[in-house]
Amino acid sequence: MLSARLRIITATLVVVTSLTGCGALANPYETTGPEDTARAAERLADLPSLESTEADGQRIAEELGTYITGLAPRLAWEWVGNRRQRGCSQPFDQTPAKNVKLRDYLALGPLPDRNRSEVLERARELAAEVGATNTESFHDEPGNLDIRFYSNEGTALTLMIGDNTLIGIDTGCRLPQAAFDPVTPNPPTPTP
C-alpha cells in the first residue's frame, strides 16, 4: 500500500512541476508583461469558462470510470481528496484566469493489463474533448501505468494504474464565467 501512495505522490509532484513550468523560465518569479498578458488573455477568451471546463472534467472522469467498470466490474469509483484552485503560471499569471485540480476519481484495485489498450484509447478520446491532445507517459509497463493527456493551457487527464486505479483532472488555465459576462452599469440616478 505504501508503494502505491509513494507512486501517486511522486506522479503528482511530477505533474505539478510540469504544469507550473518550474525550471522552464529564465526567471519564474518575473510577472508577464502587458503585451504578453494581452495575447494570453485573447487565447483564454477563445476557450470555455473555468466552470464549464470543470463540469466537463467531472463528466469525463465519471464517463471513463464507467467505461473501465464495464471492462472490470469489480472496480467501484469514488471521489477522494480535495478540489484545489490556484492562479496560473506565465503567460497567464496576470489574467484573472484560474486553474482547478478536481478531486481524484479513485477505484480500489488495478485495471487488468488485458484492458489497458482499450482504456487508453477511450481516455485519449475523452481528453481530446477538452483539447488535451498531447501525451506524456511517466510509466508504461505491466501493472504500472502513469500517463497524462494535456493541452498547452494545462488542461489534463491523468490515468494512473498500480495497486489502485486513479483518474485525475486539471482544468488548465481558464477564465471564470464572470469574465465572459458583460457588466451592465447601473443607470444614473436622476437628480431632482
C-alpha atoms as a PDB file:
ATOM      1  CA  MET A   1       0.000   0.000   0.000  1.00  0.00           C
ATOM      2  CA  LEU A   2       2.844   2.384   0.823  1.00  0.00           C
ATOM      3  CA  SER A   3       4.409   1.855  -2.584  1.00  0.00           C
ATOM      4  CA  ALA A   4       1.153   2.854  -4.311  1.00  0.00           C
ATOM      5  CA  ARG A   5       0.936   6.015  -2.201  1.00  0.00           C
ATOM      6  CA  LEU A   6       4.554   6.829  -2.937  1.00  0.00           C
ATOM      7  CA  ARG A   7       3.938   6.380  -6.660  1.00  0.00           C
ATOM      8  CA  ILE A   8       0.879   8.632  -6.526  1.00  0.00           C
ATOM      9  CA  ILE A   9       2.750  11.319  -4.572  1.00  0.00           C
ATOM     10  CA  THR A  10       5.712  11.142  -6.947  1.00  0.00           C
ATOM     11  CA  ALA A  11       3.481  11.329 -10.009  1.00  0.00           C
ATOM     12  CA  THR A  12       1.549  14.241  -8.528  1.00  0.00           C
ATOM     13  CA  LEU A  13       4.770  16.161  -7.924  1.00  0.00           C
ATOM     14  CA  VAL A  14       5.897  15.495 -11.498  1.00  0.00           C
ATOM     15  CA  VAL A  15       2.550  16.711 -12.870  1.00  0.00           C
ATOM     16  CA  VAL A  16       2.534  19.831 -10.682  1.00  0.00           C
ATOM     17  CA  THR A  17       6.107  20.641 -11.666  1.00  0.00           C
ATOM     18  CA  SER A  18       5.354  20.270 -15.353  1.00  0.00           C
ATOM     19  CA  LEU A  19       2.114  22.275 -15.150  1.00  0.00           C
ATOM     20  CA  THR A  20       3.645  25.140 -13.211  1.00  0.00           C
ATOM     21  CA  GLY A  21       6.588  25.337 -15.565  1.00  0.00           C
ATOM     22  CA  CYS A  22       9.196  25.075 -12.812  1.00  0.00           C
ATOM     23  CA  GLY A  23      12.627  25.303 -14.369  1.00  0.00           C
ATOM     24  CA  ALA A  24      11.236  26.263 -17.775  1.00  0.00           C
ATOM     25  CA  LEU A  25      11.610  30.027 -17.490  1.00  0.00           C
ATOM     26  CA  ALA A  26      14.639  32.259 -17.130  1.00  0.00           C
ATOM     27  CA  ASN A  27      13.000  33.946 -14.132  1.00  0.00           C
ATOM     28  CA  PRO A  28       9.822  32.194 -12.965  1.00  0.00           C
ATOM     29  CA  TYR A  29       9.169  34.973 -10.413  1.00  0.00           C
ATOM     30  CA  GLU A  30       9.022  37.740 -13.005  1.00  0.00           C
ATOM     31  CA  THR A  31       5.484  38.682 -13.981  1.00  0.00           C
ATOM     32  CA  THR A  32       4.333  38.618 -17.571  1.00  0.00           C
ATOM     33  CA  GLY A  33       4.478  41.975 -19.359  1.00  0.00           C
ATOM     34  CA  PRO A  34       1.399  43.800 -20.690  1.00  0.00           C
ATOM     35  CA  GLU A  35       1.761  42.708 -24.341  1.00  0.00           C
ATOM     36  CA  ASP A  36       2.220  39.028 -23.497  1.00  0.00           C
ATOM     37  CA  THR A  37      -0.622  39.244 -20.974  1.00  0.00           C
ATOM     38  CA  ALA A  38      -2.919  40.707 -23.654  1.00  0.00           C
ATOM     39  CA  ARG A  39      -2.054  37.852 -26.037  1.00  0.00           C
ATOM     40  CA  ALA A  40      -2.592  35.290 -23.273  1.00  0.00           C
ATOM     41  CA  ALA A  41      -5.969  36.836 -22.392  1.00  0.00           C
ATOM     42  CA  GLU A  42      -7.020  36.606 -26.052  1.00  0.00           C
ATOM     43  CA  ARG A  43      -6.153  32.901 -26.086  1.00  0.00           C
ATOM     44  CA  LEU A  44      -8.162  32.331 -22.906  1.00  0.00           C
ATOM     45  CA  ALA A  45     -11.180  34.223 -24.284  1.00  0.00           C
ATOM     46  CA  ASP A  46     -11.435  31.601 -27.044  1.00  0.00           C
ATOM     47  CA  LEU A  47     -11.644  28.742 -24.511  1.00  0.00           C
ATOM     48  CA  PRO A  48     -14.626  27.571 -22.442  1.00  0.00           C
ATOM     49  CA  SER A  49     -15.038  29.085 -18.980  1.00  0.00           C
ATOM     50  CA  LEU A  50     -13.464  27.638 -15.853  1.00  0.00           C
ATOM     51  CA  GLU A  51     -16.856  26.442 -14.618  1.00  0.00           C
ATOM     52  CA  SER A  52     -17.701  24.788 -17.947  1.00  0.00           C
ATOM     53  CA  THR A  53     -14.300  23.094 -18.163  1.00  0.00           C
ATOM     54  CA  GLU A  54     -14.597  21.890 -14.565  1.00  0.00           C
ATOM     55  CA  ALA A  55     -18.032  20.368 -15.294  1.00  0.00           C
ATOM     56  CA  ASP A  56     -16.653  18.739 -18.461  1.00  0.00           C
ATOM     57  CA  GLY A  57     -13.720  17.361 -16.467  1.00  0.00           C
ATOM     58  CA  GLN A  58     -16.002  15.782 -13.886  1.00  0.00           C
ATOM     59  CA  ARG A  59     -18.188  14.298 -16.628  1.00  0.00           C
ATOM     60  CA  ILE A  60     -15.142  12.907 -18.440  1.00  0.00           C
ATOM     61  CA  ALA A  61     -13.718  11.308 -15.277  1.00  0.00           C
ATOM     62  CA  GLU A  62     -17.070   9.694 -14.478  1.00  0.00           C
ATOM     63  CA  GLU A  63     -17.548   8.547 -18.076  1.00  0.00           C
ATOM     64  CA  LEU A  64     -14.068   6.985 -18.149  1.00  0.00           C
ATOM     65  CA  GLY A  65     -14.719   5.356 -14.761  1.00  0.00           C
ATOM     66  CA  THR A  66     -17.991   3.878 -16.049  1.00  0.00           C
ATOM     67  CA  TYR A  67     -16.201   2.612 -19.154  1.00  0.00           C
ATOM     68  CA  ILE A  68     -13.495   0.977 -17.029  1.00  0.00           C
ATOM     69  CA  THR A  69     -16.084  -0.630 -14.736  1.00  0.00           C
ATOM     70  CA  GLY A  70     -17.755  -2.088 -17.834  1.00  0.00           C
ATOM     71  CA  LEU A  71     -14.480  -3.910 -18.528  1.00  0.00           C
ATOM     72  CA  ALA A  72     -13.595  -4.649 -14.885  1.00  0.00           C
ATOM     73  CA  PRO A  73     -16.890  -4.772 -12.900  1.00  0.00           C
ATOM     74  CA  ARG A  74     -15.166  -5.172  -9.515  1.00  0.00           C
ATOM     75  CA  LEU A  75     -13.845  -1.591  -9.725  1.00  0.00           C
ATOM     76  CA  ALA A  76     -16.094   0.876  -7.887  1.00  0.00           C
ATOM     77  CA  TRP A  77     -15.329   4.593  -8.091  1.00  0.00           C
ATOM     78  CA  GLU A  78     -15.358   7.380  -5.534  1.00  0.00           C
ATOM     79  CA  TRP A  79     -14.207  10.995  -5.431  1.00  0.00           C
ATOM     80  CA  VAL A  80     -11.326  11.446  -2.966  1.00  0.00           C
ATOM     81  CA  GLY A  81      -9.089  14.293  -1.852  1.00  0.00           C
ATOM     82  CA  ASN A  82      -9.782  17.983  -2.205  1.00  0.00           C
ATOM     83  CA  ARG A  83     -10.575  20.308  -5.066  1.00  0.00           C
ATOM     84  CA  ARG A  84      -7.729  22.812  -5.371  1.00  0.00           C
ATOM     85  CA  GLN A  85      -7.858  26.180  -7.127  1.00  0.00           C
ATOM     86  CA  ARG A  86      -4.848  28.338  -7.840  1.00  0.00           C
ATOM     87  CA  GLY A  87      -3.686  31.125 -10.100  1.00  0.00           C
ATOM     88  CA  CYS A  88      -1.997  30.381 -13.385  1.00  0.00           C
ATOM     89  CA  SER A  89       1.651  30.418 -14.354  1.00  0.00           C
ATOM     90  CA  GLN A  90       3.196  32.501 -17.135  1.00  0.00           C
ATOM     91  CA  PRO A  91       1.991  33.772 -19.554  1.00  0.00           C
ATOM     92  CA  PHE A  92      -1.451  33.688 -17.873  1.00  0.00           C
ATOM     93  CA  ASP A  93      -0.275  34.925 -14.442  1.00  0.00           C
ATOM     94  CA  GLN A  94      -1.551  38.500 -14.897  1.00  0.00           C
ATOM     95  CA  THR A  95      -5.004  37.471 -16.157  1.00  0.00           C
ATOM     96  CA  PRO A  96      -7.983  36.661 -13.909  1.00  0.00           C
ATOM     97  CA  ALA A  97      -7.720  33.026 -15.032  1.00  0.00           C
ATOM     98  CA  LYS A  98      -7.637  30.193 -12.510  1.00  0.00           C
ATOM     99  CA  ASN A  99      -6.614  26.554 -12.638  1.00  0.00           C
ATOM    100  CA  VAL A 100      -8.606  23.885 -10.786  1.00  0.00           C
ATOM    101  CA  LYS A 101      -7.392  20.417  -9.865  1.00  0.00           C
ATOM    102  CA  LEU A 102     -10.540  18.369  -9.361  1.00  0.00           C
ATOM    103  CA  ARG A 103     -10.793  15.760  -6.647  1.00  0.00           C
ATOM    104  CA  ASP A 104      -9.285  12.455  -7.774  1.00  0.00           C
ATOM    105  CA  TYR A 105     -11.596   9.724  -9.036  1.00  0.00           C
ATOM    106  CA  LEU A 106     -10.347   6.500  -7.448  1.00  0.00           C
ATOM    107  CA  ALA A 107     -11.182   2.806  -7.719  1.00  0.00           C
ATOM    108  CA  LEU A 108      -9.598   0.430  -5.227  1.00  0.00           C
ATOM    109  CA  GLY A 109      -7.810  -2.204  -7.248  1.00  0.00           C
ATOM    110  CA  PRO A 110      -5.911  -2.246 -10.525  1.00  0.00           C
ATOM    111  CA  LEU A 111      -7.260  -2.355 -14.049  1.00  0.00           C
ATOM    112  CA  PRO A 112      -6.312  -5.706 -15.596  1.00  0.00           C
ATOM    113  CA  ASP A 113      -3.461  -5.322 -18.103  1.00  0.00           C
ATOM    114  CA  ARG A 114      -5.555  -7.058 -20.769  1.00  0.00           C
ATOM    115  CA  ASN A 115      -7.878  -3.992 -20.809  1.00  0.00           C
ATOM    116  CA  ARG A 116      -5.147  -1.369 -20.923  1.00  0.00           C
ATOM    117  CA  SER A 117      -5.188  -0.555 -24.658  1.00  0.00           C
ATOM    118  CA  GLU A 118      -8.985  -0.153 -24.747  1.00  0.00           C
ATOM    119  CA  VAL A 119      -8.937   2.133 -21.705  1.00  0.00           C
ATOM    120  CA  LEU A 120      -6.060   4.221 -23.065  1.00  0.00           C
ATOM    121  CA  GLU A 121      -7.897   4.726 -26.338  1.00  0.00           C
ATOM    122  CA  ARG A 122     -11.084   5.788 -24.533  1.00  0.00           C
ATOM    123  CA  ALA A 123      -9.099   8.119 -22.248  1.00  0.00           C
ATOM    124  CA  ARG A 124      -7.444   9.663 -25.324  1.00  0.00           C
ATOM    125  CA  GLU A 125     -10.857  10.259 -26.947  1.00  0.00           C
ATOM    126  CA  LEU A 126     -12.323  11.836 -23.809  1.00  0.00           C
ATOM    127  CA  ALA A 127      -9.270  14.023 -23.192  1.00  0.00           C
ATOM    128  CA  ALA A 128      -9.485  15.313 -26.773  1.00  0.00           C
ATOM    129  CA  GLU A 129     -12.988  16.622 -25.997  1.00  0.00           C
ATOM    130  CA  VAL A 130     -11.374  19.276 -23.771  1.00  0.00           C
ATOM    131  CA  GLY A 131      -8.375  19.906 -26.031  1.00  0.00           C
ATOM    132  CA  ALA A 132      -5.942  17.661 -24.138  1.00  0.00           C
ATOM    133  CA  THR A 133      -4.362  16.045 -27.203  1.00  0.00           C
ATOM    134  CA  ASN A 134      -0.685  15.912 -26.162  1.00  0.00           C
ATOM    135  CA  THR A 135       0.525  12.784 -24.376  1.00  0.00           C
ATOM    136  CA  GLU A 136       3.170  12.311 -21.712  1.00  0.00           C
ATOM    137  CA  SER A 137       3.949   8.890 -20.266  1.00  0.00           C
ATOM    138  CA  PHE A 138       5.742   8.588 -16.927  1.00  0.00           C
ATOM    139  CA  HIS A 139       5.385   4.804 -16.556  1.00  0.00           C
ATOM    140  CA  ASP A 140       4.048   2.269 -19.017  1.00  0.00           C
ATOM    141  CA  GLU A 141       4.766  -1.297 -18.051  1.00  0.00           C
ATOM    142  CA  PRO A 142       2.528  -4.167 -16.916  1.00  0.00           C
ATOM    143  CA  GLY A 143       0.905  -3.322 -13.589  1.00  0.00           C
ATOM    144  CA  ASN A 144       2.227   0.250 -13.602  1.00  0.00           C
ATOM    145  CA  LEU A 145       0.773   2.955 -15.818  1.00  0.00           C
ATOM    146  CA  ASP A 146       1.023   6.708 -15.360  1.00  0.00           C
ATOM    147  CA  ILE A 147       0.027   8.698 -18.420  1.00  0.00           C
ATOM    148  CA  ARG A 148      -1.179  12.247 -18.922  1.00  0.00           C
ATOM    149  CA  PHE A 149      -3.113  13.758 -21.806  1.00  0.00           C
ATOM    150  CA  TYR A 150      -2.720  17.546 -21.746  1.00  0.00           C
ATOM    151  CA  SER A 151      -3.183  20.840 -23.602  1.00  0.00           C
ATOM    152  CA  ASN A 152      -0.874  23.848 -23.879  1.00  0.00           C
ATOM    153  CA  GLU A 153      -3.069  25.686 -21.349  1.00  0.00           C
ATOM    154  CA  GLY A 154      -2.597  22.872 -18.810  1.00  0.00           C
ATOM    155  CA  THR A 155      -5.899  21.018 -19.193  1.00  0.00           C
ATOM    156  CA  ALA A 156      -5.052  17.432 -18.311  1.00  0.00           C
ATOM    157  CA  LEU A 157      -6.487  13.980 -17.805  1.00  0.00           C
ATOM    158  CA  THR A 158      -4.129  11.749 -15.827  1.00  0.00           C
ATOM    159  CA  LEU A 159      -4.630   7.984 -15.648  1.00  0.00           C
ATOM    160  CA  MET A 160      -2.639   6.042 -13.070  1.00  0.00           C
ATOM    161  CA  ILE A 161      -2.843   2.286 -12.621  1.00  0.00           C
ATOM    162  CA  GLY A 162      -0.884   0.478  -9.944  1.00  0.00           C
ATOM    163  CA  ASP A 163      -2.330  -1.120  -6.826  1.00  0.00           C
ATOM    164  CA  ASN A 164      -5.373   1.110  -7.470  1.00  0.00           C
ATOM    165  CA  THR A 165      -6.760   2.962 -10.477  1.00  0.00           C
ATOM    166  CA  LEU A 166      -6.897   6.759 -10.426  1.00  0.00           C
ATOM    167  CA  ILE A 167      -8.264   9.381 -12.812  1.00  0.00           C
ATOM    168  CA  GLY A 168      -7.084  12.944 -12.254  1.00  0.00           C
ATOM    169  CA  ILE A 169      -8.424  16.053 -13.966  1.00  0.00           C
ATOM    170  CA  ASP A 170      -6.888  19.513 -14.168  1.00  0.00           C
ATOM    171  CA  THR A 171      -8.834  22.306 -15.894  1.00  0.00           C
ATOM    172  CA  GLY A 172      -5.787  24.204 -17.023  1.00  0.00           C
ATOM    173  CA  CYS A 173      -5.915  27.998 -17.065  1.00  0.00           C
ATOM    174  CA  ARG A 174      -9.439  29.206 -17.715  1.00  0.00           C
ATOM    175  CA  LEU A 175     -11.260  32.462 -17.224  1.00  0.00           C
ATOM    176  CA  PRO A 176     -14.160  32.320 -14.781  1.00  0.00           C
ATOM    177  CA  GLN A 177     -17.619  32.740 -16.313  1.00  0.00           C
ATOM    178  CA  ALA A 178     -17.845  36.221 -14.794  1.00  0.00           C
ATOM    179  CA  ALA A 179     -15.079  37.359 -17.165  1.00  0.00           C
ATOM    180  CA  PHE A 180     -17.322  36.473 -20.137  1.00  0.00           C
ATOM    181  CA  ASP A 181     -20.472  38.143 -18.806  1.00  0.00           C
ATOM    182  CA  PRO A 182     -20.788  41.791 -19.766  1.00  0.00           C
ATOM    183  CA  VAL A 183     -21.099  44.103 -16.823  1.00  0.00           C
ATOM    184  CA  THR A 184     -24.186  46.252 -17.037  1.00  0.00           C
ATOM    185  CA  PRO A 185     -23.573  49.602 -15.386  1.00  0.00           C
ATOM    186  CA  ASN A 186     -26.216  50.924 -13.051  1.00  0.00           C
ATOM    187  CA  PRO A 187     -28.357  53.602 -14.668  1.00  0.00           C
ATOM    188  CA  PRO A 188     -27.558  57.104 -13.484  1.00  0.00           C
ATOM    189  CA  THR A 189     -29.560  58.300 -10.548  1.00  0.00           C
ATOM    190  CA  PRO A 190     -31.855  61.101 -11.667  1.00  0.00           C
ATOM    191  CA  THR A 191     -31.260  64.367  -9.895  1.00  0.00           C
ATOM    192  CA  PRO A 192     -34.283  66.498  -8.948  1.00  0.00           C
END
